[in-house]
Amino acid sequence: MPKVVDINLDAGEMVLTLEKEKAPWRIAYSRLDRMVKEKASVRKLLWTVHVKSIEMHFKGMDDPIVITSKSVEDYENVENRLMKVAEEYGVAIEG
């Protein structure tokens, strides 16, 4: 699954920079099919870190794109904006 390292949420589309790609992807919000919110515990040496993530499934794409709180700096604002976009475009949210 491709992971997002940078995200820009514009008015009608999102611009995603993925982990192992140089050029950013422009994806219209209308292509969003569904989103899955998850919380996971990741073990780091002697302690456990809680990581939030959102899997975005798009029409016409086989693999979902994942945004994690570990890789995106302002995860809370990104999550809130994506929830508003999902509500506006009638996208199903699971989790």
PDB file of N, CA and C in Angstrom:
ATOM      1  N   MET A   1       0.837  -1.182   0.000  1.00  0.00           N
ATOM      2  CA  MET A   1       0.000   0.000   0.000  1.00  0.00           C
ATOM      3  C   MET A   1       0.881   1.245   0.000  1.00  0.00           C
ATOM      4  N   PRO A   2       0.621   2.151  -0.922  1.00  0.00           N
ATOM      5  CA  PRO A   2       1.382   3.409  -0.940  1.00  0.00           C
ATOM      6  C   PRO A   2       1.077   4.250   0.296  1.00  0.00           C
ATOM      7  N   LYS A   3       2.122   4.881   0.850  1.00  0.00           N
ATOM      8  CA  LYS A   3       1.957   5.726   2.032  1.00  0.00           C
ATOM      9  C   LYS A   3       2.252   7.177   1.682  1.00  0.00           C
ATOM     10  N   VAL A   4       1.455   8.070   2.238  1.00  0.00           N
ATOM     11  CA  VAL A   4       1.581   9.502   1.984  1.00  0.00           C
ATOM     12  C   VAL A   4       2.619  10.093   2.932  1.00  0.00           C
ATOM     13  N   VAL A   5       3.524  10.937   2.381  1.00  0.00           N
ATOM     14  CA  VAL A   5       4.481  11.651   3.224  1.00  0.00           C
ATOM     15  C   VAL A   5       4.168  13.144   3.274  1.00  0.00           C
ATOM     16  N   ASP A   6       3.396  13.634   2.288  1.00  0.00           N
ATOM     17  CA  ASP A   6       2.970  15.035   2.289  1.00  0.00           C
ATOM     18  C   ASP A   6       1.619  15.119   1.592  1.00  0.00           C
ATOM     19  N   ILE A   7       0.739  15.966   2.113  1.00  0.00           N
ATOM     20  CA  ILE A   7      -0.602  16.095   1.552  1.00  0.00           C
ATOM     21  C   ILE A   7      -1.010  17.557   1.540  1.00  0.00           C
ATOM     22  N   ASN A   8      -1.655  17.960   0.447  1.00  0.00           N
ATOM     23  CA  ASN A   8      -2.192  19.310   0.319  1.00  0.00           C
ATOM     24  C   ASN A   8      -3.653  19.163  -0.100  1.00  0.00           C
ATOM     25  N   LEU A   9      -4.566  19.624   0.741  1.00  0.00           N
ATOM     26  CA  LEU A   9      -5.994  19.484   0.471  1.00  0.00           C
ATOM     27  C   LEU A   9      -6.524  20.792  -0.092  1.00  0.00           C
ATOM     28  N   ASP A  10      -6.704  20.831  -1.413  1.00  0.00           N
ATOM     29  CA  ASP A  10      -7.228  22.015  -2.089  1.00  0.00           C
ATOM     30  C   ASP A  10      -8.747  21.960  -2.119  1.00  0.00           C
ATOM     31  N   ALA A  11      -9.356  22.923  -2.813  1.00  0.00           N
ATOM     32  CA  ALA A  11     -10.816  23.017  -2.855  1.00  0.00           C
ATOM     33  C   ALA A  11     -11.465  21.815  -3.547  1.00  0.00           C
ATOM     34  N   GLY A  12     -10.951  21.383  -4.697  1.00  0.00           N
ATOM     35  CA  GLY A  12     -11.603  20.314  -5.440  1.00  0.00           C
ATOM     36  C   GLY A  12     -10.783  19.056  -5.607  1.00  0.00           C
ATOM     37  N   GLU A  13      -9.539  19.082  -5.115  1.00  0.00           N
ATOM     38  CA  GLU A  13      -8.672  17.919  -5.273  1.00  0.00           C
ATOM     39  C   GLU A  13      -7.632  17.884  -4.160  1.00  0.00           C
ATOM     40  N   MET A  14      -6.991  16.732  -4.026  1.00  0.00           N
ATOM     41  CA  MET A  14      -5.889  16.619  -3.072  1.00  0.00           C
ATOM     42  C   MET A  14      -4.613  16.335  -3.849  1.00  0.00           C
ATOM     43  N   VAL A  15      -3.520  16.869  -3.366  1.00  0.00           N
ATOM     44  CA  VAL A  15      -2.214  16.647  -3.970  1.00  0.00           C
ATOM     45  C   VAL A  15      -1.412  15.812  -2.977  1.00  0.00           C
ATOM     46  N   LEU A  16      -1.083  14.585  -3.382  1.00  0.00           N
ATOM     47  CA  LEU A  16      -0.416  13.636  -2.494  1.00  0.00           C
ATOM     48  C   LEU A  16       1.005  13.371  -2.962  1.00  0.00           C
ATOM     49  N   THR A  17       1.953  13.423  -2.048  1.00  0.00           N
ATOM     50  CA  THR A  17       3.314  12.986  -2.324  1.00  0.00           C
ATOM     51  C   THR A  17       3.476  11.649  -1.621  1.00  0.00           C
ATOM     52  N   LEU A  18       3.744  10.611  -2.415  1.00  0.00           N
ATOM     53  CA  LEU A  18       3.835   9.264  -1.865  1.00  0.00           C
ATOM     54  C   LEU A  18       5.270   8.913  -1.498  1.00  0.00           C
ATOM     55  N   GLU A  19       5.417   7.882  -0.685  1.00  0.00           N
ATOM     56  CA  GLU A  19       6.685   7.514  -0.064  1.00  0.00           C
ATOM     57  C   GLU A  19       7.844   7.336  -1.045  1.00  0.00           C
ATOM     58  N   LYS A  20       7.678   6.582  -2.096  1.00  0.00           N
ATOM     59  CA  LYS A  20       8.802   6.264  -2.985  1.00  0.00           C
ATOM     60  C   LYS A  20       8.638   6.871  -4.373  1.00  0.00           C
ATOM     61  N   GLU A  21       7.925   7.982  -4.469  1.00  0.00           N
ATOM     62  CA  GLU A  21       7.709   8.623  -5.759  1.00  0.00           C
ATOM     63  C   GLU A  21       8.128  10.078  -5.686  1.00  0.00           C
ATOM     64  N   LYS A  22       8.649  10.588  -6.799  1.00  0.00           N
ATOM     65  CA  LYS A  22       9.128  11.967  -6.830  1.00  0.00           C
ATOM     66  C   LYS A  22       8.017  12.948  -7.172  1.00  0.00           C
ATOM     67  N   ALA A  23       7.214  12.606  -8.156  1.00  0.00           N
ATOM     68  CA  ALA A  23       6.162  13.524  -8.616  1.00  0.00           C
ATOM     69  C   ALA A  23       4.902  13.360  -7.767  1.00  0.00           C
ATOM     70  N   PRO A  24       4.271  14.470  -7.377  1.00  0.00           N
ATOM     71  CA  PRO A  24       3.023  14.377  -6.599  1.00  0.00           C
ATOM     72  C   PRO A  24       1.847  13.919  -7.463  1.00  0.00           C
ATOM     73  N   TRP A  25       0.873  13.298  -6.834  1.00  0.00           N
ATOM     74  CA  TRP A  25      -0.352  12.846  -7.500  1.00  0.00           C
ATOM     75  C   TRP A  25      -1.454  13.848  -7.218  1.00  0.00           C
ATOM     76  N   ARG A  26      -2.218  14.201  -8.243  1.00  0.00           N
ATOM     77  CA  ARG A  26      -3.407  15.040  -8.085  1.00  0.00           C
ATOM     78  C   ARG A  26      -4.620  14.130  -8.246  1.00  0.00           C
ATOM     79  N   ILE A  27      -5.436  14.058  -7.203  1.00  0.00           N
ATOM     80  CA  ILE A  27      -6.611  13.187  -7.228  1.00  0.00           C
ATOM     81  C   ILE A  27      -7.829  14.003  -6.817  1.00  0.00           C
ATOM     82  N   ALA A  28      -8.859  13.982  -7.660  1.00  0.00           N
ATOM     83  CA  ALA A  28     -10.095  14.717  -7.366  1.00  0.00           C
ATOM     84  C   ALA A  28     -10.853  14.016  -6.242  1.00  0.00           C
ATOM     85  N   TYR A  29     -11.509  14.819  -5.407  1.00  0.00           N
ATOM     86  CA  TYR A  29     -12.296  14.259  -4.303  1.00  0.00           C
ATOM     87  C   TYR A  29     -13.431  13.379  -4.824  1.00  0.00           C
ATOM     88  N   SER A  30     -13.911  13.651  -6.021  1.00  0.00           N
ATOM     89  CA  SER A  30     -15.022  12.874  -6.581  1.00  0.00           C
ATOM     90  C   SER A  30     -14.618  11.423  -6.856  1.00  0.00           C
ATOM     91  N   ARG A  31     -13.318  11.126  -6.908  1.00  0.00           N
ATOM     92  CA  ARG A  31     -12.854   9.752  -7.125  1.00  0.00           C
ATOM     93  C   ARG A  31     -12.799   8.931  -5.841  1.00  0.00           C
ATOM     94  N   LEU A  32     -12.981   9.585  -4.683  1.00  0.00           N
ATOM     95  CA  LEU A  32     -12.977   8.857  -3.407  1.00  0.00           C
ATOM     96  C   LEU A  32     -14.147   7.882  -3.364  1.00  0.00           C
ATOM     97  N   ASP A  33     -13.858   6.634  -3.039  1.00  0.00           N
ATOM     98  CA  ASP A  33     -14.891   5.610  -2.948  1.00  0.00           C
ATOM     99  C   ASP A  33     -15.296   5.387  -1.489  1.00  0.00           C
ATOM    100  N   ARG A  34     -14.297   5.169  -0.615  1.00  0.00           N
ATOM    101  CA  ARG A  34     -14.557   5.001   0.812  1.00  0.00           C
ATOM    102  C   ARG A  34     -13.273   5.254   1.586  1.00  0.00           C
ATOM    103  N   MET A  35     -13.432   5.510   2.893  1.00  0.00           N
ATOM    104  CA  MET A  35     -12.285   5.717   3.771  1.00  0.00           C
ATOM    105  C   MET A  35     -12.430   4.821   4.993  1.00  0.00           C
ATOM    106  N   VAL A  36     -11.305   4.309   5.463  1.00  0.00           N
ATOM    107  CA  VAL A  36     -11.288   3.444   6.640  1.00  0.00           C
ATOM    108  C   VAL A  36     -10.343   4.067   7.669  1.00  0.00           C
ATOM    109  N   LYS A  37     -10.899   4.423   8.850  1.00  0.00           N
ATOM    110  CA  LYS A  37     -10.086   4.972   9.939  1.00  0.00           C
ATOM    111  C   LYS A  37      -9.644   3.830  10.841  1.00  0.00           C
ATOM    112  N   GLU A  38      -8.363   3.841  11.223  1.00  0.00           N
ATOM    113  CA  GLU A  38      -7.835   2.783  12.079  1.00  0.00           C
ATOM    114  C   GLU A  38      -6.917   3.368  13.143  1.00  0.00           C
ATOM    115  N   LYS A  39      -6.803   2.643  14.251  1.00  0.00           N
ATOM    116  CA  LYS A  39      -5.825   2.955  15.298  1.00  0.00           C
ATOM    117  C   LYS A  39      -5.042   1.680  15.549  1.00  0.00           C
ATOM    118  N   ALA A  40      -3.723   1.807  15.615  1.00  0.00           N
ATOM    119  CA  ALA A  40      -2.884   0.635  15.846  1.00  0.00           C
ATOM    120  C   ALA A  40      -1.811   0.966  16.873  1.00  0.00           C
ATOM    121  N   SER A  41      -1.353  -0.055  17.553  1.00  0.00           N
ATOM    122  CA  SER A  41      -0.239   0.092  18.486  1.00  0.00           C
ATOM    123  C   SER A  41       1.001  -0.495  17.828  1.00  0.00           C
ATOM    124  N   VAL A  42       2.054   0.314  17.760  1.00  0.00           N
ATOM    125  CA  VAL A  42       3.296  -0.115  17.128  1.00  0.00           C
ATOM    126  C   VAL A  42       4.377  -0.162  18.195  1.00  0.00           C
ATOM    127  N   ARG A  43       5.071  -1.260  18.269  1.00  0.00           N
ATOM    128  CA  ARG A  43       6.119  -1.430  19.280  1.00  0.00           C
ATOM    129  C   ARG A  43       7.409  -0.778  18.795  1.00  0.00           C
ATOM    130  N   LYS A  44       7.964   0.124  19.604  1.00  0.00           N
ATOM    131  CA  LYS A  44       9.233   0.796  19.321  1.00  0.00           C
ATOM    132  C   LYS A  44      10.188   0.503  20.467  1.00  0.00           C
ATOM    133  N   LEU A  45      11.154  -0.339  20.236  1.00  0.00           N
ATOM    134  CA  LEU A  45      12.133  -0.745  21.250  1.00  0.00           C
ATOM    135  C   LEU A  45      11.467  -1.136  22.569  1.00  0.00           C
ATOM    136  N   LEU A  46      11.466  -0.237  23.555  1.00  0.00           N
ATOM    137  CA  LEU A  46      10.943  -0.590  24.873  1.00  0.00           C
ATOM    138  C   LEU A  46       9.544  -0.073  25.151  1.00  0.00           C
ATOM    139  N   TRP A  47       8.954   0.684  24.239  1.00  0.00           N
ATOM    140  CA  TRP A  47       7.636   1.247  24.491  1.00  0.00           C
ATOM    141  C   TRP A  47       6.719   1.044  23.292  1.00  0.00           C
ATOM    142  N   THR A  48       5.471   1.334  23.502  1.00  0.00           N
ATOM    143  CA  THR A  48       4.465   1.184  22.455  1.00  0.00           C
ATOM    144  C   THR A  48       3.954   2.559  22.044  1.00  0.00           C
ATOM    145  N   VAL A  49       3.854   2.776  20.734  1.00  0.00           N
ATOM    146  CA  VAL A  49       3.382   4.044  20.188  1.00  0.00           C
ATOM    147  C   VAL A  49       2.037   3.798  19.509  1.00  0.00           C
ATOM    148  N   HIS A  50       1.072   4.673  19.755  1.00  0.00           N
ATOM    149  CA  HIS A  50      -0.236   4.563  19.109  1.00  0.00           C
ATOM    150  C   HIS A  50      -0.224   5.387  17.824  1.00  0.00           C
ATOM    151  N   VAL A  51      -0.604   4.753  16.720  1.00  0.00           N
ATOM    152  CA  VAL A  51      -0.584   5.397  15.409  1.00  0.00           C
ATOM    153  C   VAL A  51      -1.994   5.375  14.832  1.00  0.00           C
ATOM    154  N   LYS A  52      -2.473   6.536  14.386  1.00  0.00           N
ATOM    155  CA  LYS A  52      -3.763   6.622  13.699  1.00  0.00           C
ATOM    156  C   LYS A  52      -3.499   6.598  12.199  1.00  0.00           C
ATOM    157  N   SER A  53      -4.440   6.034  11.449  1.00  0.00           N
ATOM    158  CA  SER A  53      -4.283   6.016   9.996  1.00  0.00           C
ATOM    159  C   SER A  53      -5.640   6.097   9.307  1.00  0.00           C
ATOM    160  N   ILE A  54      -5.594   6.546   8.064  1.00  0.00           N
ATOM    161  CA  ILE A  54      -6.778   6.586   7.205  1.00  0.00           C
ATOM    162  C   ILE A  54      -6.404   5.919   5.890  1.00  0.00           C
ATOM    163  N   GLU A  55      -7.147   4.879   5.536  1.00  0.00           N
ATOM    164  CA  GLU A  55      -6.996   4.237   4.228  1.00  0.00           C
ATOM    165  C   GLU A  55      -8.000   4.880   3.295  1.00  0.00           C
ATOM    166  N   MET A  56      -7.519   5.398   2.170  1.00  0.00           N
ATOM    167  CA  MET A  56      -8.415   6.003   1.183  1.00  0.00           C
ATOM    168  C   MET A  56      -8.490   5.089  -0.033  1.00  0.00           C
ATOM    169  N   HIS A  57      -9.692   4.640  -0.347  1.00  0.00           N
ATOM    170  CA  HIS A  57      -9.932   3.793  -1.512  1.00  0.00           C
ATOM    171  C   HIS A  57     -10.511   4.679  -2.615  1.00  0.00           C
ATOM    172  N   PHE A  58      -9.906   4.606  -3.813  1.00  0.00           N
ATOM    173  CA  PHE A  58     -10.331   5.445  -4.931  1.00  0.00           C
ATOM    174  C   PHE A  58     -10.921   4.598  -6.045  1.00  0.00           C
ATOM    175  N   LYS A  59     -11.866   5.178  -6.763  1.00  0.00           N
ATOM    176  CA  LYS A  59     -12.451   4.512  -7.927  1.00  0.00           C
ATOM    177  C   LYS A  59     -11.369   4.404  -8.997  1.00  0.00           C
ATOM    178  N   GLY A  60     -11.214   3.209  -9.570  1.00  0.00           N
ATOM    179  CA  GLY A  60     -10.241   2.996 -10.627  1.00  0.00           C
ATOM    180  C   GLY A  60      -8.845   2.630 -10.131  1.00  0.00           C
ATOM    181  N   MET A  61      -8.657   2.492  -8.817  1.00  0.00           N
ATOM    182  CA  MET A  61      -7.359   2.100  -8.260  1.00  0.00           C
ATOM    183  C   MET A  61      -7.541   0.837  -7.428  1.00  0.00           C
ATOM    184  N   ASP A  62      -6.604  -0.104  -7.560  1.00  0.00           N
ATOM    185  CA  ASP A  62      -6.697  -1.363  -6.823  1.00  0.00           C
ATOM    186  C   ASP A  62      -6.252  -1.222  -5.369  1.00  0.00           C
ATOM    187  N   ASP A  63      -5.117  -0.555  -5.150  1.00  0.00           N
ATOM    188  CA  ASP A  63      -4.564  -0.432  -3.799  1.00  0.00           C
ATOM    189  C   ASP A  63      -5.020   0.857  -3.135  1.00  0.00           C
ATOM    190  N   PRO A  64      -5.344   0.798  -1.844  1.00  0.00           N
ATOM    191  CA  PRO A  64      -5.681   2.031  -1.121  1.00  0.00           C
ATOM    192  C   PRO A  64      -4.419   2.835  -0.818  1.00  0.00           C
ATOM    193  N   ILE A  65      -4.586   4.124  -0.614  1.00  0.00           N
ATOM    194  CA  ILE A  65      -3.491   5.001  -0.215  1.00  0.00           C
ATOM    195  C   ILE A  65      -3.674   5.291   1.268  1.00  0.00           C
ATOM    196  N   VAL A  66      -2.582   5.206   2.039  1.00  0.00           N
ATOM    197  CA  VAL A  66      -2.652   5.305   3.494  1.00  0.00           C
ATOM    198  C   VAL A  66      -1.989   6.592   3.987  1.00  0.00           C
ATOM    199  N   ILE A  67      -2.703   7.284   4.882  1.00  0.00           N
ATOM    200  CA  ILE A  67      -2.156   8.448   5.579  1.00  0.00           C
ATOM    201  C   ILE A  67      -2.026   8.044   7.042  1.00  0.00           C
ATOM    202  N   THR A  68      -0.820   8.177   7.624  1.00  0.00           N
ATOM    203  CA  THR A  68      -0.626   7.821   9.031  1.00  0.00           C
ATOM    204  C   THR A  68      -0.182   9.041   9.829  1.00  0.00           C
ATOM    205  N   SER A  69      -0.498   9.029  11.106  1.00  0.00           N
ATOM    206  CA  SER A  69      -0.107  10.134  11.980  1.00  0.00           C
ATOM    207  C   SER A  69       1.410  10.173  12.170  1.00  0.00           C
ATOM    208  N   LYS A  70       2.073   9.085  11.866  1.00  0.00           N
ATOM    209  CA  LYS A  70       3.527   9.009  11.988  1.00  0.00           C
ATOM    210  C   LYS A  70       4.234   9.709  10.821  1.00  0.00           C
ATOM    211  N   SER A  71       3.607   9.722   9.641  1.00  0.00           N
ATOM    212  CA  SER A  71       4.276  10.258   8.458  1.00  0.00           C
ATOM    213  C   SER A  71       3.820  11.660   8.059  1.00  0.00           C
ATOM    214  N   VAL A  72       2.642  12.090   8.505  1.00  0.00           N
ATOM    215  CA  VAL A  72       2.121  13.421   8.166  1.00  0.00           C
ATOM    216  C   VAL A  72       2.162  14.287   9.425  1.00  0.00           C
ATOM    217  N   GLU A  73       2.729  15.479   9.300  1.00  0.00           N
ATOM    218  CA  GLU A  73       2.929  16.340  10.474  1.00  0.00           C
ATOM    219  C   GLU A  73       1.634  16.774  11.151  1.00  0.00           C
ATOM    220  N   ASP A  74       0.718  17.358  10.423  1.00  0.00           N
ATOM    221  CA  ASP A  74      -0.501  17.928  11.005  1.00  0.00           C
ATOM    222  C   ASP A  74      -1.680  16.980  10.782  1.00  0.00           C
ATOM    223  N   TYR A  75      -1.563  15.764  11.309  1.00  0.00           N
ATOM    224  CA  TYR A  75      -2.532  14.701  11.035  1.00  0.00           C
ATOM    225  C   TYR A  75      -3.949  15.065  11.476  1.00  0.00           C
ATOM    226  N   GLU A  76      -4.104  15.689  12.631  1.00  0.00           N
ATOM    227  CA  GLU A  76      -5.444  16.003  13.159  1.00  0.00           C
ATOM    228  C   GLU A  76      -6.216  16.916  12.207  1.00  0.00           C
ATOM    229  N   ASN A  77      -5.566  17.958  11.690  1.00  0.00           N
ATOM    230  CA  ASN A  77      -6.233  18.861  10.747  1.00  0.00           C
ATOM    231  C   ASN A  77      -6.547  18.162   9.429  1.00  0.00           C
ATOM    232  N   VAL A  78      -5.627  17.319   8.961  1.00  0.00           N
ATOM    233  CA  VAL A  78      -5.859  16.553   7.729  1.00  0.00           C
ATOM    234  C   VAL A  78      -7.057  15.632   7.919  1.00  0.00           C
ATOM    235  N   GLU A  79      -7.117  14.949   9.059  1.00  0.00           N
ATOM    236  CA  GLU A  79      -8.235  14.041   9.342  1.00  0.00           C
ATOM    237  C   GLU A  79      -9.563  14.804   9.382  1.00  0.00           C
ATOM    238  N   ASN A  80      -9.598  15.944  10.066  1.00  0.00           N
ATOM    239  CA  ASN A  80     -10.827  16.743  10.146  1.00  0.00           C
ATOM    240  C   ASN A  80     -11.276  17.216   8.772  1.00  0.00           C
ATOM    241  N   ARG A  81     -10.336  17.679   7.950  1.00  0.00           N
ATOM    242  CA  ARG A  81     -10.678  18.156   6.600  1.00  0.00           C
ATOM    243  C   ARG A  81     -11.200  17.004   5.735  1.00  0.00           C
ATOM    244  N   LEU A  82     -10.564  15.838   5.834  1.00  0.00           N
ATOM    245  CA  LEU A  82     -11.021  14.682   5.050  1.00  0.00           C
ATOM    246  C   LEU A  82     -12.409  14.220   5.476  1.00  0.00           C
ATOM    247  N   MET A  83     -12.738  14.327   6.749  1.00  0.00           N
ATOM    248  CA  MET A  83     -14.080  13.962   7.215  1.00  0.00           C
ATOM    249  C   MET A  83     -15.123  14.923   6.638  1.00  0.00           C
ATOM    250  N   LYS A  84     -14.789  16.209   6.552  1.00  0.00           N
ATOM    251  CA  LYS A  84     -15.697  17.187   5.942  1.00  0.00           C
ATOM    252  C   LYS A  84     -15.869  16.910   4.455  1.00  0.00           C
ATOM    253  N   VAL A  85     -14.770  16.564   3.777  1.00  0.00           N
ATOM    254  CA  VAL A  85     -14.831  16.231   2.348  1.00  0.00           C
ATOM    255  C   VAL A  85     -15.688  14.987   2.143  1.00  0.00           C
ATOM    256  N   ALA A  86     -15.513  13.976   2.994  1.00  0.00           N
ATOM    257  CA  ALA A  86     -16.298  12.742   2.883  1.00  0.00           C
ATOM    258  C   ALA A  86     -17.783  13.029   3.051  1.00  0.00           C
ATOM    259  N   GLU A  87     -18.115  13.890   3.995  1.00  0.00           N
ATOM    260  CA  GLU A  87     -19.514  14.266   4.215  1.00  0.00           C
ATOM    261  C   GLU A  87     -20.070  15.018   3.003  1.00  0.00           C
ATOM    262  N   GLU A  88     -19.273  15.917   2.461  1.00  0.00           N
ATOM    263  CA  GLU A  88     -19.698  16.730   1.314  1.00  0.00           C
ATOM    264  C   GLU A  88     -19.919  15.888   0.058  1.00  0.00           C
ATOM    265  N   TYR A  89     -19.044  14.897  -0.169  1.00  0.00           N
ATOM    266  CA  TYR A  89     -19.118  14.080  -1.379  1.00  0.00           C
ATOM    267  C   TYR A  89     -19.847  12.752  -1.171  1.00  0.00           C
ATOM    268  N   GLY A  90     -20.374  12.507   0.012  1.00  0.00           N
ATOM    269  CA  GLY A  90     -21.127  11.281   0.280  1.00  0.00           C
ATOM    270  C   GLY A  90     -20.274  10.029   0.281  1.00  0.00           C
ATOM    271  N   VAL A  91     -19.069  10.131   0.822  1.00  0.00           N
ATOM    272  CA  VAL A  91     -18.137   9.004   0.869  1.00  0.00           C
ATOM    273  C   VAL A  91     -18.347   8.234   2.174  1.00  0.00           C
ATOM    274  N   ALA A  92     -18.372   6.906   2.085  1.00  0.00           N
ATOM    275  CA  ALA A  92     -18.554   6.060   3.269  1.00  0.00           C
ATOM    276  C   ALA A  92     -17.293   6.068   4.127  1.00  0.00           C
ATOM    277  N   ILE A  93     -17.489   6.201   5.448  1.00  0.00           N
ATOM    278  CA  ILE A  93     -16.379   6.177   6.403  1.00  0.00           C
ATOM    279  C   ILE A  93     -16.574   4.968   7.308  1.00  0.00           C
ATOM    280  N   GLU A  94     -15.568   4.097   7.354  1.00  0.00           N
ATOM    281  CA  GLU A  94     -15.629   2.903   8.195  1.00  0.00           C
ATOM    282  C   GLU A  94     -14.653   3.060   9.354  1.00  0.00           C
ATOM    283  N   GLY A  95     -14.995   2.484  10.478  1.00  0.00           N
ATOM    284  CA  GLY A  95     -14.083   2.483  11.624  1.00  0.00           C
ATOM    285  C   GLY A  95     -14.394   3.495  12.584  1.00  0.00           C
TER     286      GLY A  95
END
